[in-house]
Amino acid sequence: MGIIQSFFVKYQGNVEATGGSIFSPPDGYRYHVFTTPGNFVVNTSYPWSTVEYFIVGGGGGANNSNIVPSRSTANGAGGAGGGGVRKGLSSIQTQTYPVVVGAGAAANQGFSGNGGSSSFASITASGGGYGGYGSSGPGGPGGSGGGASGRTPFGVAGSGIPLQGNPGSSANNVTGGGGGGGGGGYSQSGFSPERPSPSVSVGGNGGTGYILSEWDFPFGNGNIYGSGGGGGGSFAYPSRISSTFYGSPGGGYYGLGGRGGKGGDSGSQQPFTLGTPGNPGIVIIRYNISNSVQG
């Protein structure tokens, strides 16, 4: 009768790496968090080694509203799109992997821009699209698209990239000053403005981003990434007050990395509120540190 031998080898993970801010919460994983560009340096790996990645592009920038004194043509700016989101598995080798973290786009008095792209191991999440400006500014395309500014014809909203995000919203195209459309987020498209009265337009909500609930603290627990910014509101002439409180922050506006900026509110006279910049992106890499191999 032959002798059957077996072995059981337990080791602390199949990856040893440095780079970013490193956390090892009690969920059996090690996390490398990059909020600025850097390198993920793999010092030890095996042929079967894999890591999980969560990559978010920078949020798009929102513009200020346009303002035309003594006229009823003030329009809320569109909300900017959230940064694109990528999540999955990647095989790795013992080498250095550059990590790029996209910047959030600045807010602007006129034309703003898209957020920067984030990447790891040739996997890229695109930045969010800019929010529309002026009386007929379209939203920009991006990871998630930006919302159109007030009075922009229906359908002129920024497109999103499939599997990364969603499009923004068109505006309500009305006389007397229109509200801006919401920017798109990972989980939802941007929402259209509302018109509660002939002289008031409430900007559309931004789409909600990716709710990272399956990863441990401080990155999971329902944190939201890649959300769209809300569109700016409008209060038409002859009102003499600012429309500050008519801007709608959107369901995803309070998200973290990659949030698009909120469009500026408008009034028929100054003061009027400014658009907000997009949030920078983020790259999180995690791997199991309590694996075992049995033979």
Protein backbone atom coordinates (compact mmCIF):
# COMPACT_ATOMS: atom_id res chain seq x y z
CA MET A 1 0.00 0.00 0.00
CA GLY A 2 1.47 3.29 -1.03
CA ILE A 3 1.91 6.19 1.28
CA ILE A 4 -0.01 9.32 0.43
CA GLN A 5 1.71 12.46 1.51
CA SER A 6 0.11 15.86 1.65
CA PHE A 7 1.32 19.32 2.44
CA PHE A 8 -0.34 22.50 3.57
CA VAL A 9 1.48 25.79 3.22
CA LYS A 10 0.08 28.99 4.67
CA TYR A 11 1.72 32.25 3.72
CA GLN A 12 0.93 35.89 4.23
CA GLY A 13 -0.40 36.69 0.80
CA ASN A 14 0.98 36.13 -2.65
CA VAL A 15 2.01 39.75 -3.15
CA GLU A 16 4.47 42.02 -1.39
CA ALA A 17 4.33 45.59 -2.64
CA THR A 18 4.90 49.23 -1.73
CA GLY A 19 3.40 52.49 -2.92
CA GLY A 20 0.65 54.87 -1.92
CA SER A 21 -0.87 54.97 1.55
CA ILE A 22 -1.02 51.42 2.87
CA PHE A 23 -3.77 50.08 5.13
CA SER A 24 -4.40 46.58 6.48
CA PRO A 25 -7.85 46.53 8.12
CA PRO A 26 -9.19 43.30 9.67
CA ASP A 27 -10.82 42.06 6.46
CA GLY A 28 -7.79 40.07 5.30
CA TYR A 29 -6.74 42.53 2.60
CA ARG A 30 -4.00 45.09 2.20
CA TYR A 31 -4.97 48.34 0.51
CA HIS A 32 -2.73 50.75 -1.40
CA VAL A 33 -4.50 54.09 -1.82
CA PHE A 34 -3.26 56.68 -4.32
CA THR A 35 -4.68 60.19 -4.19
CA THR A 36 -1.71 61.59 -6.11
CA PRO A 37 0.39 59.99 -8.87
CA GLY A 38 2.97 57.44 -7.78
CA ASN A 39 4.24 53.89 -8.31
CA PHE A 40 2.89 50.52 -7.23
CA VAL A 41 6.10 48.53 -6.77
CA VAL A 42 5.66 44.75 -6.67
CA ASN A 43 8.63 43.20 -4.87
CA THR A 44 7.28 39.64 -4.60
CA SER A 45 4.68 37.85 -6.70
CA TYR A 46 3.78 34.41 -8.03
CA PRO A 47 2.57 33.29 -11.47
CA TRP A 48 -1.01 33.29 -10.18
CA SER A 49 -0.81 36.63 -8.38
CA THR A 50 -3.69 39.02 -8.92
CA VAL A 51 -4.82 42.28 -7.39
CA GLU A 52 -8.17 44.03 -7.34
CA TYR A 53 -8.29 47.60 -8.56
CA PHE A 54 -10.73 50.48 -8.16
CA ILE A 55 -9.93 53.43 -10.43
CA VAL A 56 -11.82 56.72 -10.62
CA GLY A 57 -11.06 59.59 -13.01
CA GLY A 58 -11.14 63.23 -11.94
CA GLY A 59 -14.47 65.03 -11.91
CA GLY A 60 -15.32 67.56 -14.60
CA GLY A 61 -15.37 71.28 -13.88
CA ALA A 62 -18.55 73.33 -13.73
CA ASN A 63 -18.92 76.79 -15.14
CA ASN A 64 -20.50 79.89 -13.72
CA SER A 65 -23.94 80.89 -14.89
CA ASN A 66 -24.27 83.54 -17.55
CA ILE A 67 -25.68 86.83 -16.37
CA VAL A 68 -27.47 89.43 -18.44
CA PRO A 69 -28.52 92.43 -16.30
CA SER A 70 -32.08 93.72 -16.76
CA ARG A 71 -33.02 90.83 -19.01
CA SER A 72 -34.80 87.56 -18.41
CA THR A 73 -32.14 85.45 -20.07
CA ALA A 74 -30.05 84.36 -17.12
CA ASN A 75 -29.47 80.62 -17.26
CA GLY A 76 -28.11 78.15 -14.76
CA ALA A 77 -24.95 76.31 -15.77
CA GLY A 78 -24.95 72.55 -16.27
CA GLY A 79 -23.54 70.20 -13.66
CA ALA A 80 -20.28 68.49 -14.56
CA GLY A 81 -19.96 64.75 -15.05
CA GLY A 82 -18.37 62.44 -12.52
CA GLY A 83 -15.10 60.72 -13.32
CA GLY A 84 -15.33 57.32 -14.96
CA VAL A 85 -15.10 54.25 -12.72
CA ARG A 86 -13.26 50.98 -13.41
CA LYS A 87 -13.24 48.01 -11.03
CA GLY A 88 -11.91 44.51 -11.56
CA LEU A 89 -9.00 42.05 -11.31
CA SER A 90 -5.54 42.29 -12.87
CA SER A 91 -2.69 39.81 -12.93
CA ILE A 92 0.64 41.30 -11.88
CA GLN A 93 4.34 40.54 -12.03
CA THR A 94 7.37 41.62 -10.03
CA GLN A 95 7.86 45.08 -11.50
CA THR A 96 6.96 48.74 -11.05
CA TYR A 97 3.54 49.93 -12.21
CA PRO A 98 3.05 53.69 -12.65
CA VAL A 99 -0.18 54.99 -11.13
CA VAL A 100 -1.82 58.12 -12.53
CA VAL A 101 -4.47 59.97 -10.52
CA GLY A 102 -6.54 62.40 -12.55
CA ALA A 103 -6.96 65.95 -11.30
CA GLY A 104 -10.38 67.46 -10.88
CA ALA A 105 -11.06 70.18 -13.44
CA ALA A 106 -11.19 73.77 -12.25
CA ALA A 107 -14.36 75.83 -12.24
CA ASN A 108 -14.37 78.69 -14.69
CA GLN A 109 -16.12 81.93 -15.50
CA GLY A 110 -16.51 80.72 -19.07
CA PHE A 111 -15.55 77.41 -20.59
CA SER A 112 -14.30 74.80 -18.12
CA GLY A 113 -12.67 71.46 -18.89
CA ASN A 114 -12.79 67.73 -18.33
CA GLY A 115 -11.28 65.98 -15.36
CA GLY A 116 -8.02 64.11 -15.80
CA SER A 117 -7.87 60.38 -16.46
CA SER A 118 -6.64 57.92 -13.82
CA SER A 119 -4.84 54.69 -14.66
CA PHE A 120 -3.05 51.61 -13.36
CA ALA A 121 -1.57 48.68 -15.34
CA SER A 122 -2.86 50.05 -18.67
CA ILE A 123 -6.40 50.29 -17.27
CA THR A 124 -7.81 53.79 -17.59
CA ALA A 125 -10.81 55.58 -16.09
CA SER A 126 -11.56 58.75 -18.04
CA GLY A 127 -12.22 62.13 -16.45
CA GLY A 128 -15.72 63.54 -16.20
CA GLY A 129 -17.14 65.91 -18.81
CA TYR A 130 -17.47 69.66 -18.22
CA GLY A 131 -20.78 71.32 -17.44
CA GLY A 132 -22.40 73.53 -20.06
CA TYR A 133 -22.05 77.32 -19.88
CA GLY A 134 -24.04 80.28 -21.11
CA SER A 135 -27.37 80.35 -22.86
CA SER A 136 -26.74 77.37 -25.11
CA GLY A 137 -23.67 75.54 -23.89
CA PRO A 138 -23.67 71.76 -24.29
CA GLY A 139 -22.24 69.44 -21.69
CA GLY A 140 -18.91 67.79 -22.43
CA PRO A 141 -18.39 64.07 -23.04
CA GLY A 142 -16.31 62.11 -20.55
CA GLY A 143 -16.30 59.14 -18.20
CA SER A 144 -19.72 60.49 -17.28
CA GLY A 145 -21.04 63.38 -19.34
CA GLY A 146 -21.72 66.93 -18.25
CA GLY A 147 -25.18 68.48 -18.15
CA ALA A 148 -26.25 71.17 -20.59
CA SER A 149 -26.74 74.79 -19.54
CA GLY A 150 -30.17 76.39 -19.30
CA ARG A 151 -32.04 76.90 -22.59
CA THR A 152 -29.82 74.48 -24.43
CA PRO A 153 -31.96 72.51 -26.90
CA PHE A 154 -33.05 69.12 -25.73
CA GLY A 155 -30.55 66.31 -26.21
CA VAL A 156 -27.39 68.43 -26.12
CA ALA A 157 -25.78 66.81 -23.12
CA GLY A 158 -22.38 65.20 -22.76
CA SER A 159 -22.17 61.47 -23.41
CA GLY A 160 -20.65 58.99 -20.98
CA ILE A 161 -18.36 56.05 -21.73
CA PRO A 162 -20.12 52.67 -21.48
CA LEU A 163 -19.13 50.64 -18.40
CA GLN A 164 -17.50 53.76 -16.90
CA GLY A 165 -20.37 56.17 -16.48
CA ASN A 166 -23.55 57.73 -17.87
CA PRO A 167 -24.56 60.80 -19.88
CA GLY A 168 -25.53 64.14 -18.43
CA SER A 169 -28.94 65.72 -18.86
CA SER A 170 -30.27 68.24 -21.32
CA ALA A 171 -31.69 71.50 -19.99
CA ASN A 172 -35.33 72.61 -20.02
CA ASN A 173 -35.00 75.05 -22.95
CA VAL A 174 -37.43 77.66 -21.70
CA THR A 175 -37.67 81.42 -21.98
CA GLY A 176 -37.07 83.54 -18.94
CA GLY A 177 -33.93 81.73 -17.86
CA GLY A 178 -33.48 77.97 -17.74
CA GLY A 179 -31.96 75.68 -15.15
CA GLY A 180 -28.94 73.56 -15.98
CA GLY A 181 -29.05 69.80 -16.47
CA GLY A 182 -27.38 67.50 -13.99
CA GLY A 183 -24.09 65.77 -14.73
CA GLY A 184 -24.00 62.03 -15.13
CA GLY A 185 -22.63 59.61 -12.54
CA TYR A 186 -21.53 55.99 -12.60
CA SER A 187 -24.90 54.59 -11.51
CA GLN A 188 -27.30 57.13 -13.02
CA SER A 189 -27.64 59.62 -15.83
CA GLY A 190 -28.02 63.27 -14.89
CA PHE A 191 -31.54 64.49 -14.15
CA SER A 192 -33.48 67.17 -16.01
CA PRO A 193 -34.25 70.56 -14.43
CA GLU A 194 -37.65 71.31 -12.96
CA ARG A 195 -39.87 74.33 -13.54
CA PRO A 196 -41.94 74.96 -10.38
CA SER A 197 -43.11 78.40 -11.60
CA PRO A 198 -42.76 80.56 -14.73
CA SER A 199 -39.93 82.56 -13.18
CA VAL A 200 -37.99 79.78 -11.47
CA SER A 201 -35.97 76.83 -12.80
CA VAL A 202 -34.39 74.36 -10.43
CA GLY A 203 -31.27 72.70 -11.75
CA GLY A 204 -31.30 68.96 -12.34
CA ASN A 205 -29.79 66.51 -9.88
CA GLY A 206 -26.46 64.93 -10.63
CA GLY A 207 -26.42 61.17 -11.12
CA THR A 208 -25.28 59.02 -8.21
CA GLY A 209 -21.85 57.43 -8.49
CA TYR A 210 -20.48 54.02 -7.53
CA ILE A 211 -21.42 53.03 -3.99
CA LEU A 212 -18.39 51.13 -2.71
CA SER A 213 -20.03 49.05 0.00
CA GLU A 214 -18.13 45.77 -0.35
CA TRP A 215 -14.67 47.06 0.65
CA ASP A 216 -13.72 47.70 4.25
CA PHE A 217 -13.23 51.00 6.06
CA PRO A 218 -12.21 53.67 5.19
CA PHE A 219 -12.91 53.11 1.51
CA GLY A 220 -16.19 51.22 1.57
CA ASN A 221 -19.12 51.44 3.96
CA GLY A 222 -21.26 53.18 1.36
CA ASN A 223 -18.79 55.80 0.17
CA ILE A 224 -19.75 57.15 -3.23
CA TYR A 225 -17.31 57.75 -6.09
CA GLY A 226 -17.73 59.25 -9.56
CA SER A 227 -20.92 61.23 -8.91
CA GLY A 228 -22.30 63.96 -11.15
CA GLY A 229 -22.70 67.56 -10.06
CA GLY A 230 -26.13 69.20 -9.88
CA GLY A 231 -27.17 71.79 -12.44
CA GLY A 232 -27.44 75.44 -11.49
CA GLY A 233 -30.83 77.05 -10.93
CA SER A 234 -32.26 80.21 -12.49
CA PHE A 235 -34.48 83.02 -11.26
CA ALA A 236 -35.73 85.19 -14.08
CA TYR A 237 -36.08 88.95 -14.33
CA PRO A 238 -37.63 91.08 -12.81
CA SER A 239 -36.56 89.39 -9.61
CA ARG A 240 -33.70 91.23 -7.89
CA ILE A 241 -32.46 88.43 -5.71
CA SER A 242 -29.83 85.82 -6.26
CA SER A 243 -30.97 82.32 -7.08
CA THR A 244 -28.40 80.80 -4.77
CA PHE A 245 -30.75 78.37 -3.10
CA TYR A 246 -32.22 77.10 -6.36
CA GLY A 247 -29.14 75.15 -7.33
CA SER A 248 -29.69 71.43 -6.86
CA PRO A 249 -26.72 69.50 -5.48
CA GLY A 250 -27.93 66.17 -6.83
CA GLY A 251 -28.16 62.72 -5.36
CA GLY A 252 -24.49 62.02 -5.87
CA TYR A 253 -23.10 65.46 -5.20
CA TYR A 254 -21.70 64.55 -1.82
CA GLY A 255 -19.59 61.71 -3.18
CA LEU A 256 -15.84 61.45 -2.80
CA GLY A 257 -13.24 60.93 -5.54
CA GLY A 258 -14.17 61.96 -9.05
CA ARG A 259 -17.27 64.01 -8.22
CA GLY A 260 -18.25 66.48 -10.92
CA GLY A 261 -18.63 70.16 -10.08
CA LYS A 262 -22.00 71.79 -9.44
CA GLY A 263 -23.14 74.33 -12.03
CA GLY A 264 -23.41 77.96 -11.03
CA ASP A 265 -26.83 79.43 -10.24
CA SER A 266 -28.01 82.55 -12.03
CA GLY A 267 -30.11 85.58 -11.35
CA SER A 268 -31.16 88.40 -13.60
CA GLN A 269 -28.72 90.58 -11.73
CA GLN A 270 -25.61 89.94 -9.70
CA PRO A 271 -24.75 88.44 -7.27
CA PHE A 272 -24.89 84.98 -8.70
CA THR A 273 -23.21 81.83 -7.48
CA LEU A 274 -20.12 80.27 -8.95
CA GLY A 275 -19.63 76.82 -10.32
CA THR A 276 -17.48 74.40 -8.35
CA PRO A 277 -14.44 72.38 -9.40
CA GLY A 278 -14.44 68.63 -9.83
CA ASN A 279 -12.96 66.37 -7.20
CA PRO A 280 -9.69 64.62 -8.02
CA GLY A 281 -9.77 60.94 -8.85
CA ILE A 282 -8.46 58.03 -6.79
CA VAL A 283 -6.80 54.66 -7.36
CA ILE A 284 -7.14 51.85 -4.81
CA ILE A 285 -5.37 48.51 -5.18
CA ARG A 286 -5.97 45.64 -2.79
CA TYR A 287 -4.85 42.03 -2.43
CA ASN A 288 -5.42 39.20 0.00
CA ILE A 289 -2.80 38.76 2.72
CA SER A 290 -4.25 35.60 4.26
CA ASN A 291 -4.34 33.18 1.32
CA SER A 292 -3.31 29.54 1.63
CA VAL A 293 -2.22 26.83 -0.75
CA GLN A 294 -2.96 23.16 -0.12
CA GLY A 295 -1.57 20.12 -1.94
